[in-house]
Each structure stands twice: as C-alpha cells, then as structure tokens.
Amino acid sequence: MAVKLSKTLKEDRNVSGIDSGLEEYEGRYGSGKLGGLGARQKGYRRFTEIYYDLVTDFYEYGWGKSFHFAPRDPRESFKESLVRHERFLATRLGLEPGMLAADLGCGIGGPMMEIARFSGAKIVGININGYQIERARRHAAEAGLSDRVEFLESDFLDVDAPDESFDAVYGIEATCCAPDKVSIYGEAFRLLKPGGHFANYEYILTDRFDASDPQHLQIKADIELGGGLLEIDDQSTVDEALDTVGFEVVETRDLAIQDESSVPWYEPLAGSGISLTGFRRSWPGRWVTRNSLKLMEAVRLAPAGSTRVADTLELCANGLVDAGRLGIFSPMYFIHARKPG
C-alpha cells in the first residue's frame, strides 16, 4: 500500500533532502538555535515552506486533493462530506459566474476546483509553497479547469494583487498557519472590494481547553508540531481580530458542534475505514504505511527520513483525535464577514 507513496517520494525533487529538511523544521519548532514560538513567527515563511515540502505527498496519499475536515451525516461518504463543506462556503459567499474569488492557502487545489465547478466563479489560489502550486496546476489541467482557476505563488500576508481586487475571499483550514490573525484577516480585508464577503474555516481552542491542564497543553503542542502550526488561537482572539480589522461580522459558529447522529470530524483519523483510501487515513492504515516505509527506507526504496515524517504526522493525527474527543479543539470555526461599503 505504501509502495505508491515511496515511489512518489523518490521521484519528487522537493523531498530529496527529507532528513535535513525535517531537522531544520524541528529546530525551528522548538529546539536548538532556531526554536521557539517567537522564532517560528518571525520566520513563518520558511517554517511553512519546509513543512509542506515534507508532508504534501503524505497528505495527498492519505487524504486526497482536499486537505481539510468536515462533519459528516451517516448517509454521506467521506468525500461527499468534504464536497458539501466546500459548497457551503461557496453558497454563503454568494459566488456565481462573473465573480472573482481568492482562496488563501489553496493547497494542491482540490477545494477551489470544486468551488469553481459548483459556483461558476473564477478562483485564484494563493499559496506560498511552490511544490503545492505545481501540483495544483497539474490537477487543474487534468480536470479541465485551467480556464476557471489560476494560481499565485505568494505569501498570503502580502499578496501580489492590488487593493480591492476580489469580490470574495475565503480560506479553508489555512489561515491557522499565519503568525497572527490580525495580519491575515487584514490582508483579506485589503483584497476585498467594498461590500465583498470573507468566509473561513479557522482552527480554534474551544472554551473546554484548560491552559493549566498538562494533558491539554501536550495535545496542543502535538497538533502544532505535527500540523505545521505556529500557535492555535482561542475563539476570542479570532473574533477580536475580525473586529480590529474592520469587518462586519455576519455569522460565526463552530461547525464541529453537531447533533449526536453526526459522524465527528475526527472519525476518519480514528476509525478503520471500509475502503482503501479510508483505511489509509485511519490509525491502522497509518501504522501499516509507517512500518512499510520503515522497511523500504532500510532497503533504500524510500528516501531517508520518510519514516520520521510519518511519525510527525502520526503525532498530529493522535493529537487531533484526542482533542476532538475532549472537545478542546475545532478545525472548523466558521467565519462569515463583510467589508463595509
């Protein structure tokens, strides 16, 4: 099962130095001369670029083209829940043909391609990571959507676009990578035309998070290290940033809060899955992948360091499941705001 992943890793030029890249990433996270939150925030561009150079192929192998979570109705498949989650955002933004929207931190383009197909709007994907942009362009061409989507390799805190360029701006579990919320929401505000709308799925610590609880703190640290995050903010920090920037808030709510019949957002990481791709996402599938990579790395069929990257992602996955079960974290605090005008 992991043979396909190891083949991809060996072929991709961006991960030719997995071991050294991981050493630098871990150093920037919290050890050695580069480490600590302040250092990560100051050097967030390099921190983020290294992380996604390391993990993009692992993410796509296990998760597909859309790197995000969604609550799921028991009658939905995993893929159907992701599509619904993406379309919900497009609907709330009022996207339609003739509109131009920006996707902040577009990944390898899965969500923006679905939103472009569904809404008829044109989408510009903004991403700091050149390797992800390369893969996104390839996926868009394969899907026949190159005329509906564009890609801009740029820091989403300093987008290479004039003021008031877009009818709508959105992000899907990406603005959590910014060093602070005022900066990223301020850039969204700048890019929007007056009267334009901003929608976002944000990572937050919920009211159940207890900063004096060592278990909660360890889970938070595991998610940050394994997920390439500078620091996870609480809900009040997010809300205050929207106000500071000048947005008119239309709606905010935690979409992770569902009724008892819903499948929790973290279930794909915890469950066993009944399909091959579902098994890959689950903890038994990740165990098989990790140990297969370890064997292939030993006989040089996978690049040195591949298993360590898998271990880092496993740390994040376990932290996310624990955080979800405790209710101390949500990856889908929904924001809908409007720029006055």
Protein backbone atom coordinates (compact mmCIF):
# COMPACT_ATOMS: atom_id res chain seq x y z
CA MET A 1 0.00 0.00 0.00
CA ALA A 2 2.86 2.41 0.76
CA VAL A 3 4.75 1.48 -2.43
CA LYS A 4 2.95 4.23 -4.35
CA LEU A 5 3.89 6.77 -1.70
CA SER A 6 7.54 5.71 -1.61
CA LYS A 7 7.72 5.91 -5.42
CA THR A 8 6.30 9.43 -5.32
CA LEU A 9 8.72 10.47 -2.60
CA LYS A 10 11.72 9.17 -4.56
CA GLU A 11 10.63 10.97 -7.74
CA ASP A 12 9.76 14.34 -6.22
CA ARG A 13 12.66 16.78 -6.22
CA ASN A 14 11.18 18.74 -3.29
CA VAL A 15 11.82 15.94 -0.81
CA SER A 16 15.28 14.88 -1.94
CA GLY A 17 16.57 16.14 1.41
CA ILE A 18 13.83 14.84 3.72
CA ASP A 19 16.19 14.17 6.62
CA SER A 20 17.84 17.58 6.54
CA GLY A 21 14.50 19.32 5.96
CA LEU A 22 12.97 17.63 8.96
CA GLU A 23 15.98 18.54 11.10
CA GLU A 24 15.52 22.20 10.17
CA TYR A 25 11.76 22.05 10.69
CA GLU A 26 12.07 20.52 14.15
CA GLY A 27 14.79 23.02 15.02
CA ARG A 28 12.56 25.90 14.02
CA TYR A 29 9.69 24.42 16.01
CA GLY A 30 11.37 24.34 19.36
CA SER A 31 14.92 23.11 19.71
CA GLY A 32 18.40 24.47 19.10
CA LYS A 33 19.23 28.00 17.98
CA LEU A 34 16.22 28.37 15.68
CA GLY A 35 13.48 27.19 18.03
CA GLY A 36 10.64 28.75 19.95
CA LEU A 37 7.32 30.43 19.16
CA GLY A 38 8.88 33.84 18.59
CA ALA A 39 11.38 32.40 16.14
CA ARG A 40 8.63 30.48 14.33
CA GLN A 41 6.51 33.60 13.99
CA LYS A 42 9.43 35.67 12.76
CA GLY A 43 10.48 33.01 10.26
CA TYR A 44 6.98 31.74 9.45
CA ARG A 45 7.56 31.69 5.69
CA ARG A 46 10.48 29.27 5.90
CA PHE A 47 8.77 27.25 8.64
CA THR A 48 5.65 26.80 6.47
CA GLU A 49 7.53 26.11 3.24
CA ILE A 50 9.63 23.37 4.83
CA TYR A 51 6.60 21.73 6.41
CA TYR A 52 4.60 21.48 3.18
CA ASP A 53 7.62 20.38 1.18
CA LEU A 54 7.85 17.47 3.63
CA VAL A 55 4.21 16.48 4.06
CA THR A 56 2.31 17.28 0.85
CA ASP A 57 2.76 13.85 -0.72
CA PHE A 58 1.80 12.14 2.55
CA TYR A 59 -1.34 14.28 2.77
CA GLU A 60 -2.40 13.60 -0.80
CA TYR A 61 -1.71 9.88 -0.42
CA GLY A 62 -3.91 9.58 2.66
CA TRP A 63 -6.47 12.35 2.25
CA GLY A 64 -6.85 13.12 -1.45
CA LYS A 65 -6.79 16.59 -3.03
CA SER A 66 -8.77 18.37 -0.29
CA PHE A 67 -6.71 18.74 2.90
CA HIS A 68 -9.45 19.52 5.42
CA PHE A 69 -12.05 18.07 7.77
CA ALA A 70 -15.84 18.11 7.72
CA PRO A 71 -18.64 16.86 9.95
CA ARG A 72 -20.48 14.02 8.23
CA ASP A 73 -24.00 12.77 8.01
CA PRO A 74 -24.05 8.96 8.44
CA ARG A 75 -25.59 8.69 4.96
CA GLU A 76 -22.64 10.54 3.37
CA SER A 77 -19.31 9.20 2.25
CA PHE A 78 -16.16 10.92 3.45
CA LYS A 79 -15.67 12.53 0.02
CA GLU A 80 -19.29 13.71 -0.11
CA SER A 81 -18.90 15.41 3.27
CA LEU A 82 -15.84 17.33 2.04
CA VAL A 83 -17.69 18.47 -1.09
CA ARG A 84 -20.69 19.62 0.96
CA HIS A 85 -18.38 21.53 3.33
CA GLU A 86 -16.75 23.29 0.36
CA ARG A 87 -20.05 24.12 -1.31
CA PHE A 88 -21.42 25.51 1.95
CA LEU A 89 -18.65 28.11 1.89
CA ALA A 90 -19.36 29.00 -1.76
CA THR A 91 -23.06 29.37 -1.05
CA ARG A 92 -22.54 31.64 1.95
CA LEU A 93 -20.21 33.84 -0.14
CA GLY A 94 -22.86 34.08 -2.86
CA LEU A 95 -20.38 33.02 -5.53
CA GLU A 96 -21.70 32.95 -9.10
CA PRO A 97 -20.46 33.28 -12.69
CA GLY A 98 -18.65 36.55 -13.33
CA MET A 99 -17.27 36.84 -9.80
CA LEU A 100 -13.60 36.59 -8.84
CA ALA A 101 -12.63 34.99 -5.52
CA ALA A 102 -9.32 34.38 -3.75
CA ASP A 103 -8.53 31.14 -1.93
CA LEU A 104 -5.98 31.92 0.80
CA GLY A 105 -3.65 28.94 1.23
CA CYS A 106 -5.17 26.84 -1.55
CA GLY A 107 -3.07 23.70 -1.00
CA ILE A 108 -3.00 21.50 -4.08
CA GLY A 109 -6.26 22.97 -5.34
CA GLY A 110 -8.90 20.38 -4.50
CA PRO A 111 -11.41 22.66 -2.72
CA MET A 112 -11.04 25.59 -5.14
CA MET A 113 -11.65 23.35 -8.14
CA GLU A 114 -14.86 22.06 -6.55
CA ILE A 115 -15.96 25.60 -5.68
CA ALA A 116 -15.22 26.81 -9.23
CA ARG A 117 -17.23 23.92 -10.72
CA PHE A 118 -20.13 24.41 -8.31
CA SER A 119 -20.41 28.20 -8.39
CA GLY A 120 -19.20 29.18 -11.85
CA ALA A 121 -16.96 31.83 -10.30
CA LYS A 122 -13.29 32.19 -11.17
CA ILE A 123 -10.92 31.36 -8.31
CA VAL A 124 -7.35 32.48 -7.73
CA GLY A 125 -5.45 30.13 -5.45
CA ILE A 126 -2.77 31.80 -3.31
CA ASN A 127 -0.04 29.64 -1.84
CA ILE A 128 3.47 30.20 -0.50
CA ASN A 129 4.64 26.69 -1.36
CA GLY A 130 5.92 26.24 -4.90
CA TYR A 131 5.61 22.47 -4.89
CA GLN A 132 1.92 22.62 -3.96
CA ILE A 133 1.32 25.22 -6.69
CA GLU A 134 2.99 22.91 -9.20
CA ARG A 135 0.74 20.01 -8.21
CA ALA A 136 -2.36 22.24 -8.15
CA ARG A 137 -1.74 23.39 -11.72
CA ARG A 138 -1.33 19.77 -12.81
CA HIS A 139 -4.59 18.74 -11.12
CA ALA A 140 -6.46 21.69 -12.64
CA ALA A 141 -5.22 20.80 -16.13
CA GLU A 142 -6.22 17.16 -15.65
CA ALA A 143 -9.69 18.28 -14.52
CA GLY A 144 -10.11 20.62 -17.49
CA LEU A 145 -10.41 23.63 -15.19
CA SER A 146 -7.36 25.68 -16.20
CA ASP A 147 -9.64 28.40 -17.58
CA ARG A 148 -11.60 28.64 -14.31
CA VAL A 149 -8.78 28.64 -11.77
CA GLU A 150 -5.47 30.46 -11.51
CA PHE A 151 -2.59 30.11 -9.08
CA LEU A 152 -0.39 32.73 -7.49
CA GLU A 153 2.76 31.74 -5.62
CA SER A 154 2.73 34.39 -2.92
CA ASP A 155 2.74 34.93 0.82
CA PHE A 156 -0.91 35.24 1.81
CA LEU A 157 0.05 38.05 4.20
CA ASP A 158 1.43 40.08 1.31
CA VAL A 159 -0.46 39.03 -1.81
CA ASP A 160 0.84 40.30 -5.12
CA ALA A 161 -2.50 41.85 -6.09
CA PRO A 162 -3.91 45.40 -5.94
CA ASP A 163 -6.29 46.60 -3.25
CA GLU A 164 -9.94 45.69 -3.78
CA SER A 165 -9.16 43.03 -6.42
CA PHE A 166 -11.69 40.38 -5.40
CA ASP A 167 -15.44 40.02 -4.97
CA ALA A 168 -14.90 37.39 -2.27
CA VAL A 169 -12.06 35.90 -0.24
CA TYR A 170 -12.05 32.63 1.66
CA GLY A 171 -9.81 30.16 3.46
CA ILE A 172 -10.23 26.51 4.38
CA GLU A 173 -8.14 25.49 7.40
CA ALA A 174 -5.23 27.55 6.09
CA THR A 175 -5.19 30.88 7.93
CA CYS A 176 -4.23 28.88 11.04
CA CYS A 177 -0.70 28.93 9.53
CA ALA A 178 -0.45 32.74 9.77
CA PRO A 179 1.67 34.24 12.57
CA ASP A 180 -1.31 36.24 13.83
CA LYS A 181 -4.96 36.68 12.92
CA VAL A 182 -4.98 40.46 12.52
CA SER A 183 -2.36 40.26 9.77
CA ILE A 184 -4.11 37.58 7.72
CA TYR A 185 -7.63 38.98 8.16
CA GLY A 186 -6.27 42.43 7.38
CA GLU A 187 -4.90 41.17 4.07
CA ALA A 188 -8.25 39.57 3.25
CA PHE A 189 -9.89 42.93 4.03
CA ARG A 190 -7.43 44.74 1.72
CA LEU A 191 -8.05 42.36 -1.16
CA LEU A 192 -11.84 42.63 -0.96
CA LYS A 193 -13.92 45.12 -2.90
CA PRO A 194 -16.21 47.26 -0.69
CA GLY A 195 -19.23 45.15 0.17
CA GLY A 196 -17.29 41.95 -0.53
CA HIS A 197 -17.54 38.89 1.70
CA PHE A 198 -14.96 36.85 3.59
CA ALA A 199 -15.60 33.26 4.72
CA ASN A 200 -13.23 31.00 6.58
CA TYR A 201 -12.85 27.71 8.42
CA GLU A 202 -10.49 28.51 11.30
CA TYR A 203 -8.68 26.38 13.86
CA ILE A 204 -9.56 27.32 17.44
CA LEU A 205 -9.15 26.16 21.00
CA THR A 206 -12.63 25.89 22.49
CA ASP A 207 -13.84 27.01 25.91
CA ARG A 208 -13.13 23.49 27.16
CA PHE A 209 -9.39 23.96 26.70
CA ASP A 210 -7.68 24.37 30.07
CA ALA A 211 -4.25 26.01 29.85
CA SER A 212 -3.42 24.66 33.32
CA ASP A 213 -4.04 21.04 32.29
CA PRO A 214 -0.79 19.31 31.22
CA GLN A 215 -2.68 16.87 29.01
CA HIS A 216 -4.40 19.70 27.13
CA LEU A 217 -1.10 21.52 26.69
CA GLN A 218 0.62 18.38 25.36
CA ILE A 219 -2.18 17.72 22.88
CA LYS A 220 -1.98 21.32 21.66
CA ALA A 221 1.80 21.05 21.24
CA ASP A 222 1.49 17.75 19.34
CA ILE A 223 -1.03 19.25 16.90
CA GLU A 224 1.16 22.31 16.37
CA LEU A 225 4.37 20.36 15.78
CA GLY A 226 2.76 17.67 13.64
CA GLY A 227 0.49 20.11 11.81
CA GLY A 228 2.97 22.85 10.92
CA LEU A 229 1.19 25.43 13.08
CA LEU A 230 2.76 28.41 14.81
CA GLU A 231 0.15 28.56 17.59
CA ILE A 232 -3.53 27.67 17.83
CA ASP A 233 -5.62 30.65 18.96
CA ASP A 234 -8.78 30.65 21.02
CA GLN A 235 -12.15 31.82 19.73
CA SER A 236 -11.98 35.23 21.39
CA THR A 237 -8.67 36.03 19.65
CA VAL A 238 -10.25 35.21 16.29
CA ASP A 239 -13.36 37.29 17.00
CA GLU A 240 -11.33 40.25 18.22
CA ALA A 241 -9.15 40.16 15.09
CA LEU A 242 -12.19 40.44 12.83
CA ASP A 243 -13.34 43.49 14.76
CA THR A 244 -9.86 45.06 14.81
CA VAL A 245 -9.54 44.75 11.03
CA GLY A 246 -12.91 46.39 10.44
CA PHE A 247 -15.09 43.55 9.23
CA GLU A 248 -18.82 43.49 9.80
CA VAL A 249 -19.47 40.01 11.19
CA VAL A 250 -22.40 38.25 9.54
CA GLU A 251 -22.07 34.94 11.38
CA THR A 252 -19.61 32.91 13.42
CA ARG A 253 -20.20 29.40 14.77
CA ASP A 254 -18.36 26.20 15.47
CA LEU A 255 -19.48 23.67 12.87
CA ALA A 256 -17.80 20.89 14.84
CA ILE A 257 -20.79 21.09 17.22
CA GLN A 258 -23.29 18.69 15.66
CA ASP A 259 -26.13 16.52 16.88
CA GLU A 260 -25.46 13.04 18.23
CA SER A 261 -26.31 11.35 14.92
CA SER A 262 -23.48 13.10 13.06
CA VAL A 263 -20.12 11.45 12.40
CA PRO A 264 -17.45 13.52 14.22
CA TRP A 265 -14.93 15.41 12.09
CA TYR A 266 -12.02 13.43 13.58
CA GLU A 267 -13.55 9.99 12.86
CA PRO A 268 -11.54 9.42 9.64
CA LEU A 269 -8.37 9.52 11.74
CA ALA A 270 -9.77 7.26 14.44
CA GLY A 271 -11.90 4.75 12.53
CA SER A 272 -10.76 1.79 10.45
CA GLY A 273 -12.46 2.76 7.20
CA ILE A 274 -14.13 0.33 4.78
CA SER A 275 -12.33 1.43 1.60
CA LEU A 276 -8.66 1.50 0.66
CA THR A 277 -8.45 5.29 0.97
CA GLY A 278 -10.45 5.21 4.19
CA PHE A 279 -8.06 2.61 5.60
CA ARG A 280 -5.07 4.80 4.67
CA ARG A 281 -6.46 7.67 6.79
CA SER A 282 -7.25 5.52 9.80
CA TRP A 283 -4.79 4.68 12.59
CA PRO A 284 -4.39 1.04 11.44
CA GLY A 285 -3.70 2.26 7.91
CA ARG A 286 -1.18 4.80 9.14
CA TRP A 287 0.53 2.04 11.15
CA VAL A 288 0.83 -0.12 8.04
CA THR A 289 2.13 2.82 5.99
CA ARG A 290 4.67 3.80 8.63
CA ASN A 291 6.08 0.30 9.02
CA SER A 292 6.10 -0.31 5.27
CA LEU A 293 8.05 2.92 4.81
CA LYS A 294 10.46 1.88 7.55
CA LEU A 295 11.21 -1.35 5.72
CA MET A 296 11.51 0.36 2.32
CA GLU A 297 13.73 3.04 3.81
CA ALA A 298 16.03 0.35 5.21
CA VAL A 299 16.48 -1.17 1.74
CA ARG A 300 16.65 2.28 0.08
CA LEU A 301 13.33 2.03 -1.73
CA ALA A 302 12.16 5.17 0.13
CA PRO A 303 14.20 8.31 0.91
CA ALA A 304 15.95 8.60 4.27
CA GLY A 305 13.74 10.42 6.73
CA SER A 306 10.39 9.23 5.28
CA THR A 307 9.51 7.29 8.43
CA ARG A 308 10.33 10.28 10.64
CA VAL A 309 7.92 12.43 8.63
CA ALA A 310 5.25 9.75 9.03
CA ASP A 311 5.91 9.76 12.79
CA THR A 312 5.50 13.54 12.92
CA LEU A 313 2.17 13.33 11.12
CA GLU A 314 1.09 10.48 13.41
CA LEU A 315 1.76 12.75 16.40
CA CYS A 316 -0.61 15.31 14.90
CA ALA A 317 -3.26 12.73 13.99
CA ASN A 318 -3.34 11.29 17.51
CA GLY A 319 -3.46 14.78 18.99
CA LEU A 320 -6.38 15.74 16.75
CA VAL A 321 -8.36 12.65 17.74
CA ASP A 322 -7.71 13.27 21.44
CA ALA A 323 -8.58 16.97 21.11
CA GLY A 324 -11.77 16.16 19.22
CA ARG A 325 -12.91 13.61 21.77
CA LEU A 326 -12.22 16.04 24.63
CA GLY A 327 -13.91 18.88 22.74
CA ILE A 328 -10.96 21.23 23.34
CA PHE A 329 -10.25 21.99 19.67
CA SER A 330 -12.17 22.63 16.46
CA PRO A 331 -10.83 22.82 12.89
CA MET A 332 -13.99 24.45 11.58
CA TYR A 333 -14.88 27.64 13.39
CA PHE A 334 -16.94 29.17 10.60
CA ILE A 335 -16.47 32.86 9.91
CA HIS A 336 -18.65 34.90 7.57
CA ALA A 337 -17.87 38.60 7.47
CA ARG A 338 -18.39 41.56 5.15
CA LYS A 339 -16.23 44.53 4.21
CA PRO A 340 -18.28 47.70 4.69
CA GLY A 341 -19.11 49.74 1.61
